[in-house]
Amino acid sequence: MTVQDAQLFIDAFRAALADAEFAALLKERDFSLQFVVTGAADTAFLLDSDGVHDGAPHPASLRLEVQAEALHLVLLGQLGVTRAIVARRLVVKGPVARVRSLADYLPVLGREYARLALAPAAS
């Protein structure tokens, strides 16, 4: 899979839900993230405590419009969220307090993404 393959993000976010603390945090805070990944093939999906869903089956706490490469770098910790926003590689829509809470969710999402994205390719 390449950085441009949104399925890698979806698989990583599904894996993050296996972390009980992460899933409980989403549920307790009634928090959800809609990702609109732009690039060669735009795709949208929503992450909430029930799973990862195509499109937007319900309104999200935050909507993130992001280039695939920028999301890749953010999740690997190579591009800060603030820098991505300032550079307009990431557009976040939602209440400021919810934007600040991204720091509570990104470490788990990043850990699972790195595990999949950096894994040696099967031969």
PDB file of N, CA and C in Angstrom:
ATOM      1  N   MET A   1       0.841  -1.181   0.000  1.00  0.00           N
ATOM      2  CA  MET A   1       0.000   0.000   0.000  1.00  0.00           C
ATOM      3  C   MET A   1       0.884   1.242   0.000  1.00  0.00           C
ATOM      4  N   THR A   2       0.418   2.281  -0.651  1.00  0.00           N
ATOM      5  CA  THR A   2       1.160   3.523  -0.696  1.00  0.00           C
ATOM      6  C   THR A   2       0.507   4.554   0.204  1.00  0.00           C
ATOM      7  N   VAL A   3       1.191   5.656   0.396  1.00  0.00           N
ATOM      8  CA  VAL A   3       0.636   6.757   1.187  1.00  0.00           C
ATOM      9  C   VAL A   3      -0.677   7.223   0.579  1.00  0.00           C
ATOM     10  N   GLN A   4      -0.799   7.110  -0.719  1.00  0.00           N
ATOM     11  CA  GLN A   4      -2.004   7.574  -1.391  1.00  0.00           C
ATOM     12  C   GLN A   4      -3.186   6.617  -1.210  1.00  0.00           C
ATOM     13  N   ASP A   5      -2.959   5.483  -0.601  1.00  0.00           N
ATOM     14  CA  ASP A   5      -3.999   4.477  -0.425  1.00  0.00           C
ATOM     15  C   ASP A   5      -4.742   4.725   0.894  1.00  0.00           C
ATOM     16  N   ALA A   6      -5.933   5.286   0.812  1.00  0.00           N
ATOM     17  CA  ALA A   6      -6.704   5.618   2.014  1.00  0.00           C
ATOM     18  C   ALA A   6      -7.034   4.381   2.838  1.00  0.00           C
ATOM     19  N   GLN A   7      -7.014   3.206   2.240  1.00  0.00           N
ATOM     20  CA  GLN A   7      -7.320   1.988   2.980  1.00  0.00           C
ATOM     21  C   GLN A   7      -6.334   1.774   4.132  1.00  0.00           C
ATOM     22  N   LEU A   8      -5.115   2.221   3.962  1.00  0.00           N
ATOM     23  CA  LEU A   8      -4.113   2.108   5.023  1.00  0.00           C
ATOM     24  C   LEU A   8      -4.531   2.916   6.250  1.00  0.00           C
ATOM     25  N   PHE A   9      -5.065   4.112   6.035  1.00  0.00           N
ATOM     26  CA  PHE A   9      -5.561   4.926   7.146  1.00  0.00           C
ATOM     27  C   PHE A   9      -6.740   4.225   7.823  1.00  0.00           C
ATOM     28  N   ILE A  10      -7.650   3.725   7.016  1.00  0.00           N
ATOM     29  CA  ILE A  10      -8.841   3.057   7.548  1.00  0.00           C
ATOM     30  C   ILE A  10      -8.450   1.836   8.368  1.00  0.00           C
ATOM     31  N   ASP A  11      -7.540   1.032   7.853  1.00  0.00           N
ATOM     32  CA  ASP A  11      -7.088  -0.159   8.581  1.00  0.00           C
ATOM     33  C   ASP A  11      -6.421   0.220   9.898  1.00  0.00           C
ATOM     34  N   ALA A  12      -5.611   1.268   9.880  1.00  0.00           N
ATOM     35  CA  ALA A  12      -4.928   1.707  11.104  1.00  0.00           C
ATOM     36  C   ALA A  12      -5.933   2.218  12.134  1.00  0.00           C
ATOM     37  N   PHE A  13      -6.932   2.944  11.681  1.00  0.00           N
ATOM     38  CA  PHE A  13      -7.909   3.488  12.617  1.00  0.00           C
ATOM     39  C   PHE A  13      -8.795   2.383  13.189  1.00  0.00           C
ATOM     40  N   ARG A  14      -9.080   1.382  12.384  1.00  0.00           N
ATOM     41  CA  ARG A  14      -9.811   0.215  12.916  1.00  0.00           C
ATOM     42  C   ARG A  14      -8.968  -0.492  13.978  1.00  0.00           C
ATOM     43  N   ALA A  15      -7.674  -0.617  13.717  1.00  0.00           N
ATOM     44  CA  ALA A  15      -6.778  -1.252  14.684  1.00  0.00           C
ATOM     45  C   ALA A  15      -6.712  -0.439  15.980  1.00  0.00           C
ATOM     46  N   ALA A  16      -6.753   0.870  15.872  1.00  0.00           N
ATOM     47  CA  ALA A  16      -6.711   1.727  17.066  1.00  0.00           C
ATOM     48  C   ALA A  16      -7.903   1.472  17.973  1.00  0.00           C
ATOM     49  N   LEU A  17      -9.027   1.109  17.384  1.00  0.00           N
ATOM     50  CA  LEU A  17     -10.226   0.837  18.187  1.00  0.00           C
ATOM     51  C   LEU A  17     -10.077  -0.408  19.056  1.00  0.00           C
ATOM     52  N   ALA A  18      -9.082  -1.235  18.764  1.00  0.00           N
ATOM     53  CA  ALA A  18      -8.809  -2.407  19.600  1.00  0.00           C
ATOM     54  C   ALA A  18      -8.173  -1.998  20.926  1.00  0.00           C
ATOM     55  N   ASP A  19      -7.672  -0.775  20.992  1.00  0.00           N
ATOM     56  CA  ASP A  19      -7.131  -0.233  22.238  1.00  0.00           C
ATOM     57  C   ASP A  19      -8.328   0.176  23.099  1.00  0.00           C
ATOM     58  N   ALA A  20      -8.563  -0.551  24.175  1.00  0.00           N
ATOM     59  CA  ALA A  20      -9.755  -0.336  25.006  1.00  0.00           C
ATOM     60  C   ALA A  20      -9.840   1.083  25.557  1.00  0.00           C
ATOM     61  N   GLU A  21      -8.715   1.637  25.977  1.00  0.00           N
ATOM     62  CA  GLU A  21      -8.727   3.002  26.525  1.00  0.00           C
ATOM     63  C   GLU A  21      -9.104   4.014  25.452  1.00  0.00           C
ATOM     64  N   PHE A  22      -8.581   3.820  24.261  1.00  0.00           N
ATOM     65  CA  PHE A  22      -8.883   4.718  23.149  1.00  0.00           C
ATOM     66  C   PHE A  22     -10.372   4.661  22.810  1.00  0.00           C
ATOM     67  N   ALA A  23     -10.890   3.455  22.667  1.00  0.00           N
ATOM     68  CA  ALA A  23     -12.311   3.293  22.336  1.00  0.00           C
ATOM     69  C   ALA A  23     -13.192   3.876  23.434  1.00  0.00           C
ATOM     70  N   ALA A  24     -12.816   3.669  24.699  1.00  0.00           N
ATOM     71  CA  ALA A  24     -13.598   4.201  25.822  1.00  0.00           C
ATOM     72  C   ALA A  24     -13.569   5.725  25.815  1.00  0.00           C
ATOM     73  N   LEU A  25     -12.421   6.309  25.496  1.00  0.00           N
ATOM     74  CA  LEU A  25     -12.299   7.766  25.450  1.00  0.00           C
ATOM     75  C   LEU A  25     -13.223   8.348  24.381  1.00  0.00           C
ATOM     76  N   LEU A  26     -13.241   7.724  23.205  1.00  0.00           N
ATOM     77  CA  LEU A  26     -14.153   8.176  22.149  1.00  0.00           C
ATOM     78  C   LEU A  26     -15.598   8.119  22.633  1.00  0.00           C
ATOM     79  N   LYS A  27     -15.961   7.020  23.278  1.00  0.00           N
ATOM     80  CA  LYS A  27     -17.338   6.832  23.730  1.00  0.00           C
ATOM     81  C   LYS A  27     -17.699   7.805  24.855  1.00  0.00           C
ATOM     82  N   GLU A  28     -16.817   7.914  25.857  1.00  0.00           N
ATOM     83  CA  GLU A  28     -17.088   8.802  26.993  1.00  0.00           C
ATOM     84  C   GLU A  28     -17.262  10.250  26.560  1.00  0.00           C
ATOM     85  N   ARG A  29     -16.460  10.665  25.614  1.00  0.00           N
ATOM     86  CA  ARG A  29     -16.501  12.058  25.154  1.00  0.00           C
ATOM     87  C   ARG A  29     -17.457  12.257  23.982  1.00  0.00           C
ATOM     88  N   ASP A  30     -18.079  11.172  23.528  1.00  0.00           N
ATOM     89  CA  ASP A  30     -18.963  11.230  22.368  1.00  0.00           C
ATOM     90  C   ASP A  30     -18.251  11.960  21.223  1.00  0.00           C
ATOM     91  N   PHE A  31     -17.042  11.475  20.937  1.00  0.00           N
ATOM     92  CA  PHE A  31     -16.162  12.129  19.977  1.00  0.00           C
ATOM     93  C   PHE A  31     -16.069  11.320  18.696  1.00  0.00           C
ATOM     94  N   SER A  32     -16.084  12.026  17.585  1.00  0.00           N
ATOM     95  CA  SER A  32     -15.919  11.365  16.289  1.00  0.00           C
ATOM     96  C   SER A  32     -15.127  12.285  15.363  1.00  0.00           C
ATOM     97  N   LEU A  33     -14.432  11.667  14.438  1.00  0.00           N
ATOM     98  CA  LEU A  33     -13.622  12.389  13.466  1.00  0.00           C
ATOM     99  C   LEU A  33     -14.029  11.974  12.064  1.00  0.00           C
ATOM    100  N   GLN A  34     -14.351  12.952  11.232  1.00  0.00           N
ATOM    101  CA  GLN A  34     -14.573  12.649   9.832  1.00  0.00           C
ATOM    102  C   GLN A  34     -13.314  13.075   9.081  1.00  0.00           C
ATOM    103  N   PHE A  35     -12.742  12.153   8.351  1.00  0.00           N
ATOM    104  CA  PHE A  35     -11.569  12.428   7.540  1.00  0.00           C
ATOM    105  C   PHE A  35     -11.996  12.515   6.086  1.00  0.00           C
ATOM    106  N   VAL A  36     -11.653  13.601   5.443  1.00  0.00           N
ATOM    107  CA  VAL A  36     -11.825  13.729   4.000  1.00  0.00           C
ATOM    108  C   VAL A  36     -10.410  13.781   3.458  1.00  0.00           C
ATOM    109  N   VAL A  37      -9.963  12.666   2.906  1.00  0.00           N
ATOM    110  CA  VAL A  37      -8.595  12.537   2.419  1.00  0.00           C
ATOM    111  C   VAL A  37      -8.587  12.893   0.937  1.00  0.00           C
ATOM    112  N   THR A  38      -7.815  13.928   0.626  1.00  0.00           N
ATOM    113  CA  THR A  38      -7.772  14.412  -0.747  1.00  0.00           C
ATOM    114  C   THR A  38      -6.529  13.896  -1.449  1.00  0.00           C
ATOM    115  N   GLY A  39      -6.630  13.794  -2.718  1.00  0.00           N
ATOM    116  CA  GLY A  39      -5.505  13.304  -3.528  1.00  0.00           C
ATOM    117  C   GLY A  39      -6.040  12.740  -4.818  1.00  0.00           C
ATOM    118  N   ALA A  40      -5.345  11.736  -5.331  1.00  0.00           N
ATOM    119  CA  ALA A  40      -5.725  11.127  -6.601  1.00  0.00           C
ATOM    120  C   ALA A  40      -7.157  10.604  -6.555  1.00  0.00           C
ATOM    121  N   ALA A  41      -7.521   9.980  -5.451  1.00  0.00           N
ATOM    122  CA  ALA A  41      -8.879   9.453  -5.288  1.00  0.00           C
ATOM    123  C   ALA A  41      -9.410   9.926  -3.933  1.00  0.00           C
ATOM    124  N   ASP A  42     -10.167  11.020  -3.953  1.00  0.00           N
ATOM    125  CA  ASP A  42     -10.713  11.544  -2.705  1.00  0.00           C
ATOM    126  C   ASP A  42     -11.572  10.487  -2.022  1.00  0.00           C
ATOM    127  N   THR A  43     -11.475  10.434  -0.712  1.00  0.00           N
ATOM    128  CA  THR A  43     -12.289   9.494   0.050  1.00  0.00           C
ATOM    129  C   THR A  43     -12.650  10.127   1.380  1.00  0.00           C
ATOM    130  N   ALA A  44     -13.771   9.706   1.932  1.00  0.00           N
ATOM    131  CA  ALA A  44     -14.209  10.218   3.229  1.00  0.00           C
ATOM    132  C   ALA A  44     -14.631   9.047   4.100  1.00  0.00           C
ATOM    133  N   PHE A  45     -14.262   9.133   5.369  1.00  0.00           N
ATOM    134  CA  PHE A  45     -14.695   8.123   6.330  1.00  0.00           C
ATOM    135  C   PHE A  45     -14.792   8.755   7.699  1.00  0.00           C
ATOM    136  N   LEU A  46     -15.562   8.130   8.561  1.00  0.00           N
ATOM    137  CA  LEU A  46     -15.812   8.641   9.894  1.00  0.00           C
ATOM    138  C   LEU A  46     -15.343   7.620  10.919  1.00  0.00           C
ATOM    139  N   LEU A  47     -14.618   8.098  11.915  1.00  0.00           N
ATOM    140  CA  LEU A  47     -14.139   7.265  13.019  1.00  0.00           C
ATOM    141  C   LEU A  47     -14.908   7.657  14.268  1.00  0.00           C
ATOM    142  N   ASP A  48     -15.563   6.686  14.887  1.00  0.00           N
ATOM    143  CA  ASP A  48     -16.206   6.912  16.175  1.00  0.00           C
ATOM    144  C   ASP A  48     -16.051   5.653  17.015  1.00  0.00           C
ATOM    145  N   SER A  49     -16.653   5.620  18.186  1.00  0.00           N
ATOM    146  CA  SER A  49     -16.458   4.476  19.084  1.00  0.00           C
ATOM    147  C   SER A  49     -17.056   3.184  18.540  1.00  0.00           C
ATOM    148  N   ASP A  50     -17.894   3.289  17.518  1.00  0.00           N
ATOM    149  CA  ASP A  50     -18.505   2.096  16.923  1.00  0.00           C
ATOM    150  C   ASP A  50     -17.725   1.537  15.738  1.00  0.00           C
ATOM    151  N   GLY A  51     -16.731   2.288  15.253  1.00  0.00           N
ATOM    152  CA  GLY A  51     -15.958   1.773  14.136  1.00  0.00           C
ATOM    153  C   GLY A  51     -15.545   2.861  13.167  1.00  0.00           C
ATOM    154  N   VAL A  52     -15.166   2.414  11.984  1.00  0.00           N
ATOM    155  CA  VAL A  52     -14.799   3.313  10.892  1.00  0.00           C
ATOM    156  C   VAL A  52     -15.853   3.107   9.813  1.00  0.00           C
ATOM    157  N   HIS A  53     -16.476   4.191   9.403  1.00  0.00           N
ATOM    158  CA  HIS A  53     -17.622   4.118   8.489  1.00  0.00           C
ATOM    159  C   HIS A  53     -17.325   4.905   7.211  1.00  0.00           C
ATOM    160  N   ASP A  54     -17.846   4.441   6.096  1.00  0.00           N
ATOM    161  CA  ASP A  54     -17.720   5.170   4.840  1.00  0.00           C
ATOM    162  C   ASP A  54     -18.506   6.468   4.920  1.00  0.00           C
ATOM    163  N   GLY A  55     -17.946   7.504   4.311  1.00  0.00           N
ATOM    164  CA  GLY A  55     -18.639   8.783   4.238  1.00  0.00           C
ATOM    165  C   GLY A  55     -18.857   9.408   5.593  1.00  0.00           C
ATOM    166  N   ALA A  56     -20.067   9.877   5.814  1.00  0.00           N
ATOM    167  CA  ALA A  56     -20.429  10.526   7.082  1.00  0.00           C
ATOM    168  C   ALA A  56     -21.840  10.116   7.464  1.00  0.00           C
ATOM    169  N   PRO A  57     -21.989   8.957   8.108  1.00  0.00           N
ATOM    170  CA  PRO A  57     -23.324   8.493   8.468  1.00  0.00           C
ATOM    171  C   PRO A  57     -24.019   9.389   9.498  1.00  0.00           C
ATOM    172  N   HIS A  58     -23.251  10.215  10.202  1.00  0.00           N
ATOM    173  CA  HIS A  58     -23.807  11.199  11.131  1.00  0.00           C
ATOM    174  C   HIS A  58     -22.791  12.322  11.289  1.00  0.00           C
ATOM    175  N   PRO A  59     -23.216  13.491  11.777  1.00  0.00           N
ATOM    176  CA  PRO A  59     -22.268  14.593  11.939  1.00  0.00           C
ATOM    177  C   PRO A  59     -21.125  14.212  12.886  1.00  0.00           C
ATOM    178  N   ALA A  60     -19.943  14.675  12.571  1.00  0.00           N
ATOM    179  CA  ALA A  60     -18.762  14.373  13.377  1.00  0.00           C
ATOM    180  C   ALA A  60     -18.436  15.530  14.316  1.00  0.00           C
ATOM    181  N   SER A  61     -17.706  15.219  15.378  1.00  0.00           N
ATOM    182  CA  SER A  61     -17.233  16.258  16.293  1.00  0.00           C
ATOM    183  C   SER A  61     -16.285  17.200  15.559  1.00  0.00           C
ATOM    184  N   LEU A  62     -15.431  16.620  14.724  1.00  0.00           N
ATOM    185  CA  LEU A  62     -14.496  17.386  13.910  1.00  0.00           C
ATOM    186  C   LEU A  62     -14.449  16.810  12.510  1.00  0.00           C
ATOM    187  N   ARG A  63     -14.269  17.692  11.557  1.00  0.00           N
ATOM    188  CA  ARG A  63     -14.080  17.278  10.162  1.00  0.00           C
ATOM    189  C   ARG A  63     -12.669  17.696   9.769  1.00  0.00           C
ATOM    190  N   LEU A  64     -11.882  16.756   9.312  1.00  0.00           N
ATOM    191  CA  LEU A  64     -10.510  17.028   8.895  1.00  0.00           C
ATOM    192  C   LEU A  64     -10.406  16.798   7.402  1.00  0.00           C
ATOM    193  N   GLU A  65     -10.103  17.848   6.675  1.00  0.00           N
ATOM    194  CA  GLU A  65      -9.851  17.757   5.238  1.00  0.00           C
ATOM    195  C   GLU A  65      -8.338  17.806   5.093  1.00  0.00           C
ATOM    196  N   VAL A  66      -7.772  16.743   4.564  1.00  0.00           N
ATOM    197  CA  VAL A  66      -6.324  16.610   4.599  1.00  0.00           C
ATOM    198  C   VAL A  66      -5.803  15.880   3.371  1.00  0.00           C
ATOM    199  N   GLN A  67      -4.659  16.321   2.897  1.00  0.00           N
ATOM    200  CA  GLN A  67      -3.980  15.621   1.820  1.00  0.00           C
ATOM    201  C   GLN A  67      -3.437  14.312   2.390  1.00  0.00           C
ATOM    202  N   ALA A  68      -3.455  13.273   1.593  1.00  0.00           N
ATOM    203  CA  ALA A  68      -2.986  11.965   2.059  1.00  0.00           C
ATOM    204  C   ALA A  68      -1.555  12.035   2.592  1.00  0.00           C
ATOM    205  N   GLU A  69      -0.685  12.707   1.885  1.00  0.00           N
ATOM    206  CA  GLU A  69       0.717  12.817   2.308  1.00  0.00           C
ATOM    207  C   GLU A  69       0.823  13.557   3.645  1.00  0.00           C
ATOM    208  N   ALA A  70       0.031  14.603   3.829  1.00  0.00           N
ATOM    209  CA  ALA A  70       0.064  15.358   5.086  1.00  0.00           C
ATOM    210  C   ALA A  70      -0.451  14.503   6.250  1.00  0.00           C
ATOM    211  N   LEU A  71      -1.500  13.728   6.023  1.00  0.00           N
ATOM    212  CA  LEU A  71      -2.009  12.859   7.086  1.00  0.00           C
ATOM    213  C   LEU A  71      -0.959  11.812   7.442  1.00  0.00           C
ATOM    214  N   HIS A  72      -0.297  11.281   6.447  1.00  0.00           N
ATOM    215  CA  HIS A  72       0.787  10.325   6.660  1.00  0.00           C
ATOM    216  C   HIS A  72       1.850  10.935   7.584  1.00  0.00           C
ATOM    217  N   LEU A  73       2.278  12.147   7.278  1.00  0.00           N
ATOM    218  CA  LEU A  73       3.321  12.807   8.069  1.00  0.00           C
ATOM    219  C   LEU A  73       2.844  13.167   9.474  1.00  0.00           C
ATOM    220  N   VAL A  74       1.603  13.617   9.599  1.00  0.00           N
ATOM    221  CA  VAL A  74       1.045  13.946  10.920  1.00  0.00           C
ATOM    222  C   VAL A  74       1.011  12.691  11.783  1.00  0.00           C
ATOM    223  N   LEU A  75       0.520  11.602  11.240  1.00  0.00           N
ATOM    224  CA  LEU A  75       0.391  10.370  12.021  1.00  0.00           C
ATOM    225  C   LEU A  75       1.745   9.790  12.411  1.00  0.00           C
ATOM    226  N   LEU A  76       2.772  10.037  11.598  1.00  0.00           N
ATOM    227  CA  LEU A  76       4.109   9.558  11.934  1.00  0.00           C
ATOM    228  C   LEU A  76       4.855  10.549  12.829  1.00  0.00           C
ATOM    229  N   GLY A  77       4.216  11.670  13.153  1.00  0.00           N
ATOM    230  CA  GLY A  77       4.843  12.663  14.019  1.00  0.00           C
ATOM    231  C   GLY A  77       5.881  13.510  13.311  1.00  0.00           C
ATOM    232  N   GLN A  78       5.881  13.491  12.000  1.00  0.00           N
ATOM    233  CA  GLN A  78       6.864  14.253  11.224  1.00  0.00           C
ATOM    234  C   GLN A  78       6.347  15.621  10.794  1.00  0.00           C
ATOM    235  N   LEU A  79       5.068  15.862  11.007  1.00  0.00           N
ATOM    236  CA  LEU A  79       4.439  17.149  10.692  1.00  0.00           C
ATOM    237  C   LEU A  79       3.449  17.443  11.801  1.00  0.00           C
ATOM    238  N   GLY A  80       3.667  18.550  12.490  1.00  0.00           N
ATOM    239  CA  GLY A  80       2.760  18.932  13.570  1.00  0.00           C
ATOM    240  C   GLY A  80       1.420  19.385  13.030  1.00  0.00           C
ATOM    241  N   VAL A  81       0.383  19.174  13.812  1.00  0.00           N
ATOM    242  CA  VAL A  81      -0.969  19.576  13.400  1.00  0.00           C
ATOM    243  C   VAL A  81      -1.019  21.075  13.128  1.00  0.00           C
ATOM    244  N   THR A  82      -0.442  21.873  14.017  1.00  0.00           N
ATOM    245  CA  THR A  82      -0.463  23.328  13.839  1.00  0.00           C
ATOM    246  C   THR A  82       0.223  23.723  12.545  1.00  0.00           C
ATOM    247  N   ARG A  83       1.384  23.145  12.291  1.00  0.00           N
ATOM    248  CA  ARG A  83       2.110  23.467  11.058  1.00  0.00           C
ATOM    249  C   ARG A  83       1.299  23.040   9.826  1.00  0.00           C
ATOM    250  N   ALA A  84       0.662  21.882   9.904  1.00  0.00           N
ATOM    251  CA  ALA A  84      -0.155  21.406   8.779  1.00  0.00           C
ATOM    252  C   ALA A  84      -1.328  22.358   8.519  1.00  0.00           C
ATOM    253  N   ILE A  85      -1.918  22.879   9.598  1.00  0.00           N
ATOM    254  CA  ILE A  85      -3.034  23.823   9.445  1.00  0.00           C
ATOM    255  C   ILE A  85      -2.537  25.124   8.832  1.00  0.00           C
ATOM    256  N   VAL A  86      -1.448  25.660   9.364  1.00  0.00           N
ATOM    257  CA  VAL A  86      -0.894  26.918   8.852  1.00  0.00           C
ATOM    258  C   VAL A  86      -0.511  26.781   7.373  1.00  0.00           C
ATOM    259  N   ALA A  87       0.048  25.631   7.013  1.00  0.00           N
ATOM    260  CA  ALA A  87       0.453  25.390   5.622  1.00  0.00           C
ATOM    261  C   ALA A  87      -0.731  25.026   4.725  1.00  0.00           C
ATOM    262  N   ARG A  88      -1.911  24.968   5.315  1.00  0.00           N
ATOM    263  CA  ARG A  88      -3.149  24.629   4.592  1.00  0.00           C
ATOM    264  C   ARG A  88      -3.122  23.232   3.989  1.00  0.00           C
ATOM    265  N   ARG A  89      -2.353  22.362   4.621  1.00  0.00           N
ATOM    266  CA  ARG A  89      -2.341  20.961   4.203  1.00  0.00           C
ATOM    267  C   ARG A  89      -3.393  20.183   4.990  1.00  0.00           C
ATOM    268  N   LEU A  90      -3.903  20.822   6.035  1.00  0.00           N
ATOM    269  CA  LEU A  90      -4.942  20.245   6.883  1.00  0.00           C
ATOM    270  C   LEU A  90      -5.923  21.350   7.219  1.00  0.00           C
ATOM    271  N   VAL A  91      -7.198  21.093   6.967  1.00  0.00           N
ATOM    272  CA  VAL A  91      -8.262  22.025   7.334  1.00  0.00           C
ATOM    273  C   VAL A  91      -9.124  21.309   8.355  1.00  0.00           C
ATOM    274  N   VAL A  92      -9.276  21.929   9.521  1.00  0.00           N
ATOM    275  CA  VAL A  92     -10.069  21.331  10.594  1.00  0.00           C
ATOM    276  C   VAL A  92     -11.309  22.181  10.792  1.00  0.00           C
ATOM    277  N   LYS A  93     -12.460  21.537  10.773  1.00  0.00           N
ATOM    278  CA  LYS A  93     -13.733  22.229  10.974  1.00  0.00           C
ATOM    279  C   LYS A  93     -14.410  21.668  12.217  1.00  0.00           C
ATOM    280  N   GLY A  94     -14.718  22.561  13.137  1.00  0.00           N
ATOM    281  CA  GLY A  94     -15.370  22.164  14.376  1.00  0.00           C
ATOM    282  C   GLY A  94     -14.968  23.112  15.489  1.00  0.00           C
ATOM    283  N   PRO A  95     -15.536  22.916  16.673  1.00  0.00           N
ATOM    284  CA  PRO A  95     -15.250  23.795  17.811  1.00  0.00           C
ATOM    285  C   PRO A  95     -13.773  23.742  18.221  1.00  0.00           C
ATOM    286  N   VAL A  96     -13.229  24.896  18.583  1.00  0.00           N
ATOM    287  CA  VAL A  96     -11.821  24.994  18.960  1.00  0.00           C
ATOM    288  C   VAL A  96     -11.478  24.025  20.095  1.00  0.00           C
ATOM    289  N   ALA A  97     -12.346  23.897  21.080  1.00  0.00           N
ATOM    290  CA  ALA A  97     -12.071  22.977  22.195  1.00  0.00           C
ATOM    291  C   ALA A  97     -11.910  21.545  21.694  1.00  0.00           C
ATOM    292  N   ARG A  98     -12.669  21.178  20.710  1.00  0.00           N
ATOM    293  CA  ARG A  98     -12.551  19.830  20.131  1.00  0.00           C
ATOM    294  C   ARG A  98     -11.261  19.689  19.339  1.00  0.00           C
ATOM    295  N   VAL A  99     -10.846  20.760  18.669  1.00  0.00           N
ATOM    296  CA  VAL A  99      -9.588  20.720  17.920  1.00  0.00           C
ATOM    297  C   VAL A  99      -8.436  20.474  18.889  1.00  0.00           C
ATOM    298  N   ARG A 100      -8.464  21.138  20.023  1.00  0.00           N
ATOM    299  CA  ARG A 100      -7.403  20.961  21.024  1.00  0.00           C
ATOM    300  C   ARG A 100      -7.350  19.520  21.531  1.00  0.00           C
ATOM    301  N   SER A 101      -8.483  18.854  21.548  1.00  0.00           N
ATOM    302  CA  SER A 101      -8.511  17.482  22.067  1.00  0.00           C
ATOM    303  C   SER A 101      -7.911  16.471  21.097  1.00  0.00           C
ATOM    304  N   LEU A 102      -7.568  16.895  19.886  1.00  0.00           N
ATOM    305  CA  LEU A 102      -6.922  15.990  18.936  1.00  0.00           C
ATOM    306  C   LEU A 102      -5.669  15.366  19.550  1.00  0.00           C
ATOM    307  N   ALA A 103      -4.995  16.101  20.407  1.00  0.00           N
ATOM    308  CA  ALA A 103      -3.774  15.598  21.048  1.00  0.00           C
ATOM    309  C   ALA A 103      -4.044  14.351  21.882  1.00  0.00           C
ATOM    310  N   ASP A 104      -5.274  14.156  22.315  1.00  0.00           N
ATOM    311  CA  ASP A 104      -5.631  12.964  23.094  1.00  0.00           C
ATOM    312  C   ASP A 104      -5.789  11.725  22.210  1.00  0.00           C
ATOM    313  N   TYR A 105      -6.052  11.934  20.935  1.00  0.00           N
ATOM    314  CA  TYR A 105      -6.368  10.822  20.036  1.00  0.00           C
ATOM    315  C   TYR A 105      -5.234  10.467  19.073  1.00  0.00           C
ATOM    316  N   LEU A 106      -4.469  11.461  18.671  1.00  0.00           N
ATOM    317  CA  LEU A 106      -3.451  11.226  17.648  1.00  0.00           C
ATOM    318  C   LEU A 106      -2.363  10.221  18.040  1.00  0.00           C
ATOM    319  N   PRO A 107      -1.924  10.159  19.300  1.00  0.00           N
ATOM    320  CA  PRO A 107      -0.873   9.175  19.610  1.00  0.00           C
ATOM    321  C   PRO A 107      -1.279   7.729  19.301  1.00  0.00           C
ATOM    322  N   VAL A 108      -2.485   7.351  19.651  1.00  0.00           N
ATOM    323  CA  VAL A 108      -2.928   5.973  19.388  1.00  0.00           C
ATOM    324  C   VAL A 108      -3.114   5.766  17.889  1.00  0.00           C
ATOM    325  N   LEU A 109      -3.727   6.739  17.220  1.00  0.00           N
ATOM    326  CA  LEU A 109      -3.905   6.620  15.774  1.00  0.00           C
ATOM    327  C   LEU A 109      -2.544   6.543  15.086  1.00  0.00           C
ATOM    328  N   GLY A 110      -1.617   7.379  15.524  1.00  0.00           N
ATOM    329  CA  GLY A 110      -0.279   7.380  14.946  1.00  0.00           C
ATOM    330  C   GLY A 110       0.470   6.083  15.189  1.00  0.00           C
ATOM    331  N   ARG A 111       0.329   5.541  16.395  1.00  0.00           N
ATOM    332  CA  ARG A 111       1.013   4.276  16.722  1.00  0.00           C
ATOM    333  C   ARG A 111       0.545   3.158  15.802  1.00  0.00           C
ATOM    334  N   GLU A 112      -0.755   3.045  15.617  1.00  0.00           N
ATOM    335  CA  GLU A 112      -1.296   1.979  14.764  1.00  0.00           C
ATOM    336  C   GLU A 112      -0.984   2.225  13.296  1.00  0.00           C
ATOM    337  N   TYR A 113      -1.006   3.482  12.902  1.00  0.00           N
ATOM    338  CA  TYR A 113      -0.671   3.791  11.512  1.00  0.00           C
ATOM    339  C   TYR A 113       0.792   3.433  11.240  1.00  0.00           C
ATOM    340  N   ALA A 114       1.680   3.823  12.144  1.00  0.00           N
ATOM    341  CA  ALA A 114       3.110   3.529  11.964  1.00  0.00           C
ATOM    342  C   ALA A 114       3.352   2.026  11.913  1.00  0.00           C
ATOM    343  N   ARG A 115       2.635   1.290  12.754  1.00  0.00           N
ATOM    344  CA  ARG A 115       2.794  -0.165  12.779  1.00  0.00           C
ATOM    345  C   ARG A 115       2.477  -0.757  11.402  1.00  0.00           C
ATOM    346  N   LEU A 116       1.438  -0.249  10.756  1.00  0.00           N
ATOM    347  CA  LEU A 116       1.053  -0.780   9.442  1.00  0.00           C
ATOM    348  C   LEU A 116       1.861  -0.163   8.296  1.00  0.00           C
ATOM    349  N   ALA A 117       2.044   1.138   8.351  1.00  0.00           N
ATOM    350  CA  ALA A 117       2.704   1.839   7.239  1.00  0.00           C
ATOM    351  C   ALA A 117       4.181   1.510   7.140  1.00  0.00           C
ATOM    352  N   LEU A 118       4.797   1.254   8.288  1.00  0.00           N
ATOM    353  CA  LEU A 118       6.241   1.010   8.287  1.00  0.00           C
ATOM    354  C   LEU A 118       6.612  -0.463   8.342  1.00  0.00           C
ATOM    355  N   ALA A 119       5.590  -1.314   8.328  1.00  0.00           N
ATOM    356  CA  ALA A 119       5.843  -2.760   8.357  1.00  0.00           C
ATOM    357  C   ALA A 119       6.498  -3.186   7.045  1.00  0.00           C
ATOM    358  N   PRO A 120       7.431  -4.126   7.111  1.00  0.00           N
ATOM    359  CA  PRO A 120       8.053  -4.611   5.868  1.00  0.00           C
ATOM    360  C   PRO A 120       6.986  -5.222   4.955  1.00  0.00           C
ATOM    361  N   ALA A 121       7.116  -4.952   3.688  1.00  0.00           N
ATOM    362  CA  ALA A 121       6.165  -5.506   2.715  1.00  0.00           C
ATOM    363  C   ALA A 121       6.361  -7.007   2.619  1.00  0.00           C
ATOM    364  N   ALA A 122       5.237  -7.704   2.516  1.00  0.00           N
ATOM    365  CA  ALA A 122       5.298  -9.164   2.351  1.00  0.00           C
ATOM    366  C   ALA A 122       5.807  -9.479   0.944  1.00  0.00           C
ATOM    367  N   SER A 123       6.702 -10.421   0.852  1.00  0.00           N
ATOM    368  CA  SER A 123       7.268 -10.777  -0.457  1.00  0.00           C
ATOM    369  C   SER A 123       6.493 -11.902  -1.086  1.00  0.00           C
TER     370      SER A 123
END
